[in-house]
Amino acid sequence: MWIAVVTITAIALAAGLLLSFASRRLPPNDDDLVATVNGLLPQTQCAQCGYPGCRPYAAAIVHESEEINLCPPGGKETIRRLAKCLGRDVIPLKASTQTRMSDSVAVINEALCIGCTHCRAACPVDAIVGAHQFMHTILAAECTGCELCLAPCPVDCISMKSAA
């Protein structure tokens, strides 16, 4: 009986070593790398990188060698983490997206707000608070300046102001 136990143990040990060796030698699955890159992004889904969300941007970084400096909400720290993960050079945040978002915040003209909730539904970071048929307001500390709330507002009561 102990011969069977030793034989099964040896087979399991050999299989484990073989799998361990293979996992180090074989290239990583691209889907795993996309998931890893997606996990490094801030998940604001603001679309300021030019992609509809963080997952499509992560896929473009992995599959299309997209630049890693297109995410204003993530900033320098996200660029640094992406560069380390992908073995790329750290580069500064792309200027066109940096100045567009980091310096502005959305503001609601409370006298014009009709409480339709269209802006609240469009906000990717839940920076807009208010109930249906009541005036809404924007939490400036949470607003990324993505401007996604501007278009759905039927009364144009939202404007962008300098964050300073």
N, C-alpha and C. Protein backbone atom coordinates (compact mmCIF):
# COMPACT_ATOMS: atom_id res chain seq x y z
N MET A 1 0.80 -1.18 0.00
CA MET A 1 0.00 0.00 0.00
C MET A 1 0.86 1.27 0.00
N TRP A 2 1.94 1.26 0.75
CA TRP A 2 2.80 2.45 0.79
C TRP A 2 3.46 2.71 -0.56
N ILE A 3 3.62 1.65 -1.39
CA ILE A 3 4.19 1.84 -2.72
C ILE A 3 3.23 2.67 -3.58
N ALA A 4 1.92 2.46 -3.46
CA ALA A 4 0.93 3.23 -4.20
C ALA A 4 0.94 4.70 -3.76
N VAL A 5 1.05 4.92 -2.47
CA VAL A 5 1.08 6.28 -1.94
C VAL A 5 2.33 7.01 -2.45
N VAL A 6 3.47 6.37 -2.41
CA VAL A 6 4.72 6.96 -2.88
C VAL A 6 4.65 7.22 -4.38
N THR A 7 4.09 6.31 -5.14
CA THR A 7 3.96 6.46 -6.59
C THR A 7 3.07 7.65 -6.93
N ILE A 8 1.92 7.75 -6.29
CA ILE A 8 0.98 8.85 -6.55
C ILE A 8 1.62 10.18 -6.13
N THR A 9 2.33 10.20 -5.01
CA THR A 9 3.01 11.41 -4.55
C THR A 9 4.08 11.84 -5.54
N ALA A 10 4.83 10.90 -6.07
CA ALA A 10 5.87 11.21 -7.04
C ALA A 10 5.27 11.77 -8.34
N ILE A 11 4.18 11.17 -8.78
CA ILE A 11 3.51 11.66 -9.99
C ILE A 11 2.99 13.08 -9.78
N ALA A 12 2.37 13.32 -8.63
CA ALA A 12 1.84 14.65 -8.33
C ALA A 12 2.96 15.68 -8.24
N LEU A 13 4.06 15.32 -7.62
CA LEU A 13 5.21 16.22 -7.50
C LEU A 13 5.80 16.54 -8.88
N ALA A 14 5.95 15.52 -9.71
CA ALA A 14 6.48 15.72 -11.05
C ALA A 14 5.54 16.60 -11.88
N ALA A 15 4.24 16.38 -11.78
CA ALA A 15 3.27 17.19 -12.53
C ALA A 15 3.31 18.64 -12.05
N GLY A 16 3.42 18.84 -10.75
CA GLY A 16 3.49 20.19 -10.19
C GLY A 16 4.73 20.92 -10.67
N LEU A 17 5.87 20.25 -10.66
CA LEU A 17 7.11 20.86 -11.13
C LEU A 17 7.03 21.20 -12.62
N LEU A 18 6.45 20.28 -13.39
CA LEU A 18 6.30 20.51 -14.83
C LEU A 18 5.38 21.72 -15.10
N LEU A 19 4.26 21.81 -14.39
CA LEU A 19 3.36 22.95 -14.56
C LEU A 19 4.02 24.26 -14.13
N SER A 20 4.76 24.22 -13.05
CA SER A 20 5.46 25.41 -12.58
C SER A 20 6.47 25.89 -13.61
N PHE A 21 7.23 24.96 -14.17
CA PHE A 21 8.21 25.30 -15.20
C PHE A 21 7.52 25.87 -16.44
N ALA A 22 6.42 25.23 -16.84
CA ALA A 22 5.70 25.68 -18.04
C ALA A 22 5.11 27.07 -17.85
N SER A 23 4.59 27.37 -16.66
CA SER A 23 3.99 28.67 -16.44
C SER A 23 5.03 29.79 -16.49
N ARG A 24 6.26 29.49 -16.16
CA ARG A 24 7.32 30.50 -16.23
C ARG A 24 7.85 30.67 -17.64
N ARG A 25 7.82 29.61 -18.43
CA ARG A 25 8.39 29.63 -19.77
C ARG A 25 7.42 30.09 -20.84
N LEU A 26 6.14 29.78 -20.69
CA LEU A 26 5.16 30.13 -21.71
C LEU A 26 4.80 31.61 -21.58
N PRO A 27 4.48 32.26 -22.69
CA PRO A 27 4.10 33.67 -22.61
C PRO A 27 2.77 33.82 -21.87
N PRO A 28 2.59 34.94 -21.17
CA PRO A 28 1.34 35.13 -20.44
C PRO A 28 0.17 35.30 -21.39
N ASN A 29 -0.98 34.94 -20.93
CA ASN A 29 -2.21 35.09 -21.69
C ASN A 29 -2.50 36.59 -21.82
N ASP A 30 -2.82 37.06 -23.02
CA ASP A 30 -3.09 38.48 -23.23
C ASP A 30 -4.28 38.95 -22.40
N ASP A 31 -5.28 38.09 -22.22
CA ASP A 31 -6.44 38.48 -21.43
C ASP A 31 -6.05 38.73 -19.98
N ASP A 32 -5.10 37.95 -19.47
CA ASP A 32 -4.62 38.17 -18.11
C ASP A 32 -3.89 39.51 -18.02
N LEU A 33 -3.12 39.83 -19.04
CA LEU A 33 -2.38 41.09 -19.04
C LEU A 33 -3.35 42.28 -19.16
N VAL A 34 -4.39 42.13 -19.97
CA VAL A 34 -5.39 43.18 -20.09
C VAL A 34 -6.07 43.39 -18.73
N ALA A 35 -6.39 42.32 -18.04
CA ALA A 35 -7.02 42.42 -16.72
C ALA A 35 -6.08 43.09 -15.72
N THR A 36 -4.81 42.77 -15.80
CA THR A 36 -3.83 43.39 -14.90
C THR A 36 -3.72 44.89 -15.17
N VAL A 37 -3.60 45.26 -16.45
CA VAL A 37 -3.51 46.68 -16.81
C VAL A 37 -4.80 47.40 -16.42
N ASN A 38 -5.94 46.77 -16.66
CA ASN A 38 -7.22 47.37 -16.28
C ASN A 38 -7.28 47.60 -14.77
N GLY A 39 -6.73 46.70 -14.00
CA GLY A 39 -6.69 46.85 -12.55
C GLY A 39 -5.82 48.01 -12.09
N LEU A 40 -4.87 48.41 -12.90
CA LEU A 40 -4.00 49.53 -12.55
C LEU A 40 -4.63 50.89 -12.89
N LEU A 41 -5.65 50.88 -13.73
CA LEU A 41 -6.32 52.13 -14.11
C LEU A 41 -7.33 52.52 -13.04
N PRO A 42 -7.69 53.82 -12.95
CA PRO A 42 -8.52 54.29 -11.84
C PRO A 42 -10.00 53.91 -11.91
N GLN A 43 -10.47 53.37 -13.01
CA GLN A 43 -11.86 52.93 -13.17
C GLN A 43 -12.87 54.06 -13.07
N THR A 44 -12.51 55.24 -13.55
CA THR A 44 -13.46 56.35 -13.55
C THR A 44 -14.36 56.32 -14.78
N GLN A 45 -13.98 55.58 -15.82
CA GLN A 45 -14.76 55.44 -17.05
C GLN A 45 -15.11 56.80 -17.66
N CYS A 46 -14.19 57.75 -17.58
CA CYS A 46 -14.45 59.12 -18.02
C CYS A 46 -14.29 59.31 -19.52
N ALA A 47 -13.65 58.40 -20.20
CA ALA A 47 -13.45 58.43 -21.65
C ALA A 47 -12.50 59.52 -22.12
N GLN A 48 -11.76 60.14 -21.23
CA GLN A 48 -10.84 61.21 -21.62
C GLN A 48 -9.59 60.68 -22.30
N CYS A 49 -9.37 59.39 -22.24
CA CYS A 49 -8.23 58.78 -22.92
C CYS A 49 -8.54 58.54 -24.41
N GLY A 50 -9.81 58.73 -24.77
CA GLY A 50 -10.22 58.48 -26.15
C GLY A 50 -10.90 57.13 -26.32
N TYR A 51 -11.02 56.38 -25.25
CA TYR A 51 -11.69 55.08 -25.26
C TYR A 51 -12.92 55.17 -24.36
N PRO A 52 -13.95 54.36 -24.61
CA PRO A 52 -15.19 54.50 -23.85
C PRO A 52 -15.09 54.11 -22.37
N GLY A 53 -14.01 53.51 -21.97
CA GLY A 53 -13.84 53.13 -20.57
C GLY A 53 -12.44 52.61 -20.32
N CYS A 54 -12.20 52.22 -19.08
CA CYS A 54 -10.86 51.75 -18.70
C CYS A 54 -10.50 50.42 -19.35
N ARG A 55 -11.44 49.49 -19.44
CA ARG A 55 -11.14 48.17 -20.03
C ARG A 55 -10.74 48.29 -21.51
N PRO A 56 -11.47 49.04 -22.34
CA PRO A 56 -11.03 49.20 -23.73
C PRO A 56 -9.66 49.88 -23.84
N TYR A 57 -9.39 50.83 -22.96
CA TYR A 57 -8.07 51.48 -22.97
C TYR A 57 -6.99 50.47 -22.59
N ALA A 58 -7.27 49.63 -21.60
CA ALA A 58 -6.31 48.60 -21.20
C ALA A 58 -6.04 47.63 -22.36
N ALA A 59 -7.10 47.24 -23.07
CA ALA A 59 -6.93 46.34 -24.22
C ALA A 59 -6.09 47.01 -25.30
N ALA A 60 -6.30 48.30 -25.52
CA ALA A 60 -5.51 49.02 -26.53
C ALA A 60 -4.04 49.12 -26.12
N ILE A 61 -3.79 49.30 -24.84
CA ILE A 61 -2.41 49.34 -24.36
C ILE A 61 -1.72 48.01 -24.63
N VAL A 62 -2.41 46.92 -24.35
CA VAL A 62 -1.81 45.59 -24.50
C VAL A 62 -1.73 45.15 -25.96
N HIS A 63 -2.84 45.29 -26.70
CA HIS A 63 -2.90 44.74 -28.05
C HIS A 63 -2.42 45.69 -29.14
N GLU A 64 -2.56 47.00 -28.92
CA GLU A 64 -2.23 47.96 -29.97
C GLU A 64 -1.05 48.86 -29.60
N SER A 65 -0.38 48.56 -28.51
CA SER A 65 0.74 49.35 -28.01
C SER A 65 0.38 50.83 -27.87
N GLU A 66 -0.81 51.09 -27.37
CA GLU A 66 -1.26 52.47 -27.12
C GLU A 66 -0.38 53.10 -26.05
N GLU A 67 -0.28 54.41 -26.07
CA GLU A 67 0.52 55.12 -25.07
C GLU A 67 -0.08 54.91 -23.68
N ILE A 68 0.77 54.93 -22.67
CA ILE A 68 0.31 54.71 -21.30
C ILE A 68 0.06 56.02 -20.55
N ASN A 69 0.11 57.14 -21.26
CA ASN A 69 0.01 58.45 -20.60
C ASN A 69 -1.26 59.21 -20.97
N LEU A 70 -2.35 58.50 -21.20
CA LEU A 70 -3.58 59.16 -21.65
C LEU A 70 -4.65 59.26 -20.56
N CYS A 71 -4.35 58.92 -19.33
CA CYS A 71 -5.35 58.85 -18.26
C CYS A 71 -5.17 59.96 -17.23
N PRO A 72 -5.86 61.10 -17.42
CA PRO A 72 -5.71 62.20 -16.46
C PRO A 72 -6.12 61.85 -15.02
N PRO A 73 -7.23 61.13 -14.79
CA PRO A 73 -7.56 60.82 -13.40
C PRO A 73 -6.49 59.97 -12.71
N GLY A 74 -5.82 59.13 -13.45
CA GLY A 74 -4.77 58.29 -12.87
C GLY A 74 -3.49 59.05 -12.60
N GLY A 75 -3.20 60.01 -13.45
CA GLY A 75 -2.04 60.86 -13.26
C GLY A 75 -0.70 60.14 -13.34
N LYS A 76 0.28 60.74 -12.70
CA LYS A 76 1.66 60.26 -12.75
C LYS A 76 1.80 58.87 -12.11
N GLU A 77 1.07 58.65 -11.04
CA GLU A 77 1.18 57.36 -10.33
C GLU A 77 0.72 56.20 -11.21
N THR A 78 -0.36 56.37 -11.93
CA THR A 78 -0.84 55.32 -12.83
C THR A 78 0.15 55.09 -13.96
N ILE A 79 0.70 56.15 -14.50
CA ILE A 79 1.71 56.01 -15.57
C ILE A 79 2.91 55.23 -15.05
N ARG A 80 3.34 55.53 -13.83
CA ARG A 80 4.48 54.83 -13.24
C ARG A 80 4.18 53.34 -13.06
N ARG A 81 2.99 53.02 -12.55
CA ARG A 81 2.63 51.61 -12.35
C ARG A 81 2.49 50.86 -13.67
N LEU A 82 1.89 51.51 -14.69
CA LEU A 82 1.77 50.88 -16.00
C LEU A 82 3.14 50.63 -16.62
N ALA A 83 4.03 51.61 -16.50
CA ALA A 83 5.38 51.46 -17.05
C ALA A 83 6.11 50.29 -16.39
N LYS A 84 5.98 50.17 -15.09
CA LYS A 84 6.64 49.08 -14.37
C LYS A 84 6.06 47.73 -14.79
N CYS A 85 4.74 47.66 -14.89
CA CYS A 85 4.07 46.40 -15.26
C CYS A 85 4.43 45.96 -16.68
N LEU A 86 4.50 46.92 -17.60
CA LEU A 86 4.69 46.60 -19.01
C LEU A 86 6.14 46.71 -19.48
N GLY A 87 7.03 47.14 -18.60
CA GLY A 87 8.43 47.28 -18.99
C GLY A 87 8.65 48.43 -19.96
N ARG A 88 7.88 49.47 -19.82
CA ARG A 88 8.01 50.65 -20.68
C ARG A 88 8.61 51.80 -19.88
N ASP A 89 9.00 52.85 -20.59
CA ASP A 89 9.53 54.05 -19.94
C ASP A 89 8.41 54.88 -19.36
N VAL A 90 8.68 55.52 -18.22
CA VAL A 90 7.73 56.46 -17.64
C VAL A 90 7.77 57.73 -18.47
N ILE A 91 6.61 58.18 -18.92
CA ILE A 91 6.51 59.39 -19.72
C ILE A 91 5.48 60.32 -19.07
N PRO A 92 5.58 61.62 -19.30
CA PRO A 92 4.63 62.54 -18.67
C PRO A 92 3.23 62.41 -19.25
N LEU A 93 2.26 62.81 -18.46
CA LEU A 93 0.86 62.80 -18.90
C LEU A 93 0.72 63.65 -20.15
N LYS A 94 -0.01 63.14 -21.12
CA LYS A 94 -0.18 63.85 -22.39
C LYS A 94 -0.82 65.21 -22.12
N ALA A 95 -0.24 66.25 -22.64
CA ALA A 95 -0.62 67.63 -22.32
C ALA A 95 -2.07 67.94 -22.69
N SER A 96 -2.57 67.45 -23.80
CA SER A 96 -3.93 67.80 -24.22
C SER A 96 -4.97 67.31 -23.23
N THR A 97 -4.79 66.14 -22.65
CA THR A 97 -5.76 65.65 -21.68
C THR A 97 -5.50 66.24 -20.30
N GLN A 98 -4.26 66.52 -19.99
CA GLN A 98 -3.91 67.04 -18.67
C GLN A 98 -4.53 68.42 -18.44
N THR A 99 -4.39 69.30 -19.38
CA THR A 99 -4.91 70.64 -19.17
C THR A 99 -6.43 70.66 -19.27
N ARG A 100 -7.00 69.76 -20.03
CA ARG A 100 -8.44 69.75 -20.20
C ARG A 100 -9.17 69.36 -18.92
N MET A 101 -8.66 68.37 -18.20
CA MET A 101 -9.40 67.86 -17.06
C MET A 101 -8.93 68.38 -15.71
N SER A 102 -7.66 68.38 -15.46
CA SER A 102 -7.19 68.65 -14.11
C SER A 102 -7.45 70.08 -13.66
N ASP A 103 -7.69 70.99 -14.57
CA ASP A 103 -7.87 72.39 -14.22
C ASP A 103 -9.33 72.82 -14.18
N SER A 104 -10.27 71.91 -14.41
CA SER A 104 -11.66 72.32 -14.45
C SER A 104 -12.56 71.39 -13.62
N VAL A 105 -13.69 71.96 -13.25
CA VAL A 105 -14.68 71.20 -12.49
C VAL A 105 -16.06 71.67 -12.96
N ALA A 106 -17.02 70.76 -12.98
CA ALA A 106 -18.37 71.10 -13.41
C ALA A 106 -19.11 71.81 -12.29
N VAL A 107 -19.95 72.77 -12.68
CA VAL A 107 -20.77 73.52 -11.73
C VAL A 107 -22.20 73.59 -12.28
N ILE A 108 -23.18 73.37 -11.41
CA ILE A 108 -24.59 73.43 -11.83
C ILE A 108 -25.17 74.77 -11.40
N ASN A 109 -25.82 75.44 -12.34
CA ASN A 109 -26.57 76.65 -12.02
C ASN A 109 -27.87 76.18 -11.39
N GLU A 110 -27.96 76.30 -10.08
CA GLU A 110 -29.07 75.72 -9.32
C GLU A 110 -30.42 76.34 -9.69
N ALA A 111 -30.42 77.56 -10.14
CA ALA A 111 -31.68 78.21 -10.51
C ALA A 111 -32.28 77.61 -11.78
N LEU A 112 -31.43 77.03 -12.62
CA LEU A 112 -31.90 76.47 -13.89
C LEU A 112 -32.15 74.96 -13.82
N CYS A 113 -31.59 74.28 -12.83
CA CYS A 113 -31.69 72.82 -12.75
C CYS A 113 -33.13 72.38 -12.53
N ILE A 114 -33.60 71.43 -13.35
CA ILE A 114 -34.96 70.92 -13.24
C ILE A 114 -35.03 69.55 -12.58
N GLY A 115 -33.87 69.00 -12.19
CA GLY A 115 -33.86 67.72 -11.49
C GLY A 115 -34.15 66.52 -12.37
N CYS A 116 -33.72 66.56 -13.60
CA CYS A 116 -34.04 65.48 -14.53
C CYS A 116 -33.18 64.22 -14.32
N THR A 117 -32.07 64.32 -13.65
CA THR A 117 -31.12 63.24 -13.34
C THR A 117 -30.31 62.75 -14.55
N HIS A 118 -30.43 63.39 -15.69
CA HIS A 118 -29.64 62.96 -16.86
C HIS A 118 -28.15 63.13 -16.61
N CYS A 119 -27.79 64.22 -15.96
CA CYS A 119 -26.37 64.47 -15.67
C CYS A 119 -25.84 63.47 -14.66
N ARG A 120 -26.66 63.15 -13.68
CA ARG A 120 -26.24 62.20 -12.64
C ARG A 120 -25.97 60.83 -13.24
N ALA A 121 -26.80 60.43 -14.18
CA ALA A 121 -26.60 59.13 -14.84
C ALA A 121 -25.35 59.12 -15.70
N ALA A 122 -24.98 60.27 -16.25
CA ALA A 122 -23.82 60.34 -17.13
C ALA A 122 -22.50 60.44 -16.38
N CYS A 123 -22.53 60.82 -15.12
CA CYS A 123 -21.29 61.03 -14.36
C CYS A 123 -20.64 59.69 -14.02
N PRO A 124 -19.41 59.45 -14.48
CA PRO A 124 -18.75 58.17 -14.25
C PRO A 124 -18.21 58.00 -12.83
N VAL A 125 -18.10 59.09 -12.08
CA VAL A 125 -17.52 59.00 -10.73
C VAL A 125 -18.51 59.35 -9.63
N ASP A 126 -19.79 59.45 -9.97
CA ASP A 126 -20.84 59.77 -9.00
C ASP A 126 -20.57 61.06 -8.25
N ALA A 127 -20.11 62.07 -8.96
CA ALA A 127 -19.83 63.36 -8.34
C ALA A 127 -21.07 64.25 -8.29
N ILE A 128 -22.17 63.82 -8.91
CA ILE A 128 -23.40 64.62 -8.93
C ILE A 128 -24.40 63.97 -7.99
N VAL A 129 -24.93 64.77 -7.09
CA VAL A 129 -25.91 64.26 -6.14
C VAL A 129 -27.21 65.05 -6.27
N GLY A 130 -28.31 64.38 -6.00
CA GLY A 130 -29.63 65.00 -6.07
C GLY A 130 -30.65 63.97 -6.46
N ALA A 131 -31.88 64.23 -6.11
CA ALA A 131 -32.98 63.31 -6.39
C ALA A 131 -33.78 63.79 -7.60
N HIS A 132 -34.56 62.90 -8.17
CA HIS A 132 -35.41 63.22 -9.31
C HIS A 132 -36.37 64.36 -8.94
N GLN A 133 -36.49 65.34 -9.82
CA GLN A 133 -37.33 66.51 -9.65
C GLN A 133 -36.85 67.48 -8.57
N PHE A 134 -35.61 67.30 -8.10
CA PHE A 134 -35.01 68.22 -7.15
C PHE A 134 -33.69 68.72 -7.73
N MET A 135 -33.25 69.85 -7.25
CA MET A 135 -32.02 70.45 -7.71
C MET A 135 -30.83 69.51 -7.42
N HIS A 136 -29.89 69.49 -8.33
CA HIS A 136 -28.69 68.68 -8.17
C HIS A 136 -27.50 69.58 -7.86
N THR A 137 -26.46 68.98 -7.33
CA THR A 137 -25.22 69.70 -7.09
C THR A 137 -24.05 68.78 -7.40
N ILE A 138 -22.90 69.36 -7.60
CA ILE A 138 -21.71 68.60 -7.95
C ILE A 138 -20.71 68.67 -6.81
N LEU A 139 -20.20 67.53 -6.40
CA LEU A 139 -19.16 67.46 -5.38
C LEU A 139 -17.84 67.76 -6.07
N ALA A 140 -17.35 68.97 -5.89
CA ALA A 140 -16.15 69.43 -6.60
C ALA A 140 -14.95 68.53 -6.32
N ALA A 141 -14.84 68.01 -5.13
CA ALA A 141 -13.70 67.16 -4.79
C ALA A 141 -13.72 65.84 -5.56
N GLU A 142 -14.90 65.42 -6.00
CA GLU A 142 -15.02 64.15 -6.74
C GLU A 142 -14.99 64.34 -8.25
N CYS A 143 -15.31 65.53 -8.72
CA CYS A 143 -15.41 65.80 -10.16
C CYS A 143 -14.03 65.72 -10.81
N THR A 144 -13.96 64.97 -11.91
CA THR A 144 -12.70 64.83 -12.65
C THR A 144 -12.60 65.81 -13.81
N GLY A 145 -13.67 66.56 -14.08
CA GLY A 145 -13.65 67.51 -15.19
C GLY A 145 -13.81 66.85 -16.54
N CYS A 146 -14.41 65.68 -16.59
CA CYS A 146 -14.49 64.92 -17.84
C CYS A 146 -15.51 65.49 -18.83
N GLU A 147 -16.40 66.34 -18.38
CA GLU A 147 -17.40 67.01 -19.21
C GLU A 147 -18.48 66.08 -19.75
N LEU A 148 -18.59 64.86 -19.26
CA LEU A 148 -19.61 63.94 -19.75
C LEU A 148 -21.01 64.34 -19.30
N CYS A 149 -21.11 65.19 -18.30
CA CYS A 149 -22.42 65.63 -17.81
C CYS A 149 -23.00 66.78 -18.64
N LEU A 150 -22.20 67.44 -19.44
CA LEU A 150 -22.66 68.61 -20.19
C LEU A 150 -23.69 68.27 -21.26
N ALA A 151 -23.41 67.30 -22.08
CA ALA A 151 -24.27 66.99 -23.22
C ALA A 151 -25.67 66.50 -22.82
N PRO A 152 -25.83 65.65 -21.82
CA PRO A 152 -27.18 65.16 -21.53
C PRO A 152 -28.10 66.18 -20.84
N CYS A 153 -27.58 67.29 -20.37
CA CYS A 153 -28.40 68.28 -19.65
C CYS A 153 -29.34 68.98 -20.64
N PRO A 154 -30.66 68.84 -20.47
CA PRO A 154 -31.59 69.43 -21.44
C PRO A 154 -31.76 70.94 -21.30
N VAL A 155 -31.34 71.51 -20.16
CA VAL A 155 -31.50 72.95 -19.95
C VAL A 155 -30.17 73.70 -19.91
N ASP A 156 -29.10 73.03 -20.21
CA ASP A 156 -27.75 73.63 -20.23
C ASP A 156 -27.43 74.40 -18.96
N CYS A 157 -27.69 73.79 -17.82
CA CYS A 157 -27.41 74.47 -16.56
C CYS A 157 -26.05 74.09 -15.98
N ILE A 158 -25.28 73.27 -16.70
CA ILE A 158 -23.97 72.85 -16.22
C ILE A 158 -22.89 73.55 -17.03
N SER A 159 -21.91 74.06 -16.34
CA SER A 159 -20.78 74.70 -17.01
C SER A 159 -19.49 74.24 -16.34
N MET A 160 -18.40 74.46 -17.01
CA MET A 160 -17.09 74.09 -16.47
C MET A 160 -16.42 75.35 -15.94
N LYS A 161 -15.89 75.24 -14.75
CA LYS A 161 -15.18 76.36 -14.11
C LYS A 161 -13.78 75.90 -13.73
N SER A 162 -12.90 76.85 -13.53
CA SER A 162 -11.54 76.56 -13.10
C SER A 162 -11.59 75.94 -11.71
N ALA A 163 -10.83 74.89 -11.51
CA ALA A 163 -10.81 74.19 -10.22
C ALA A 163 -10.08 75.00 -9.15
N ALA A 164 -9.27 75.95 -9.56
CA ALA A 164 -8.48 76.73 -8.59
C ALA A 164 -9.29 77.77 -7.88
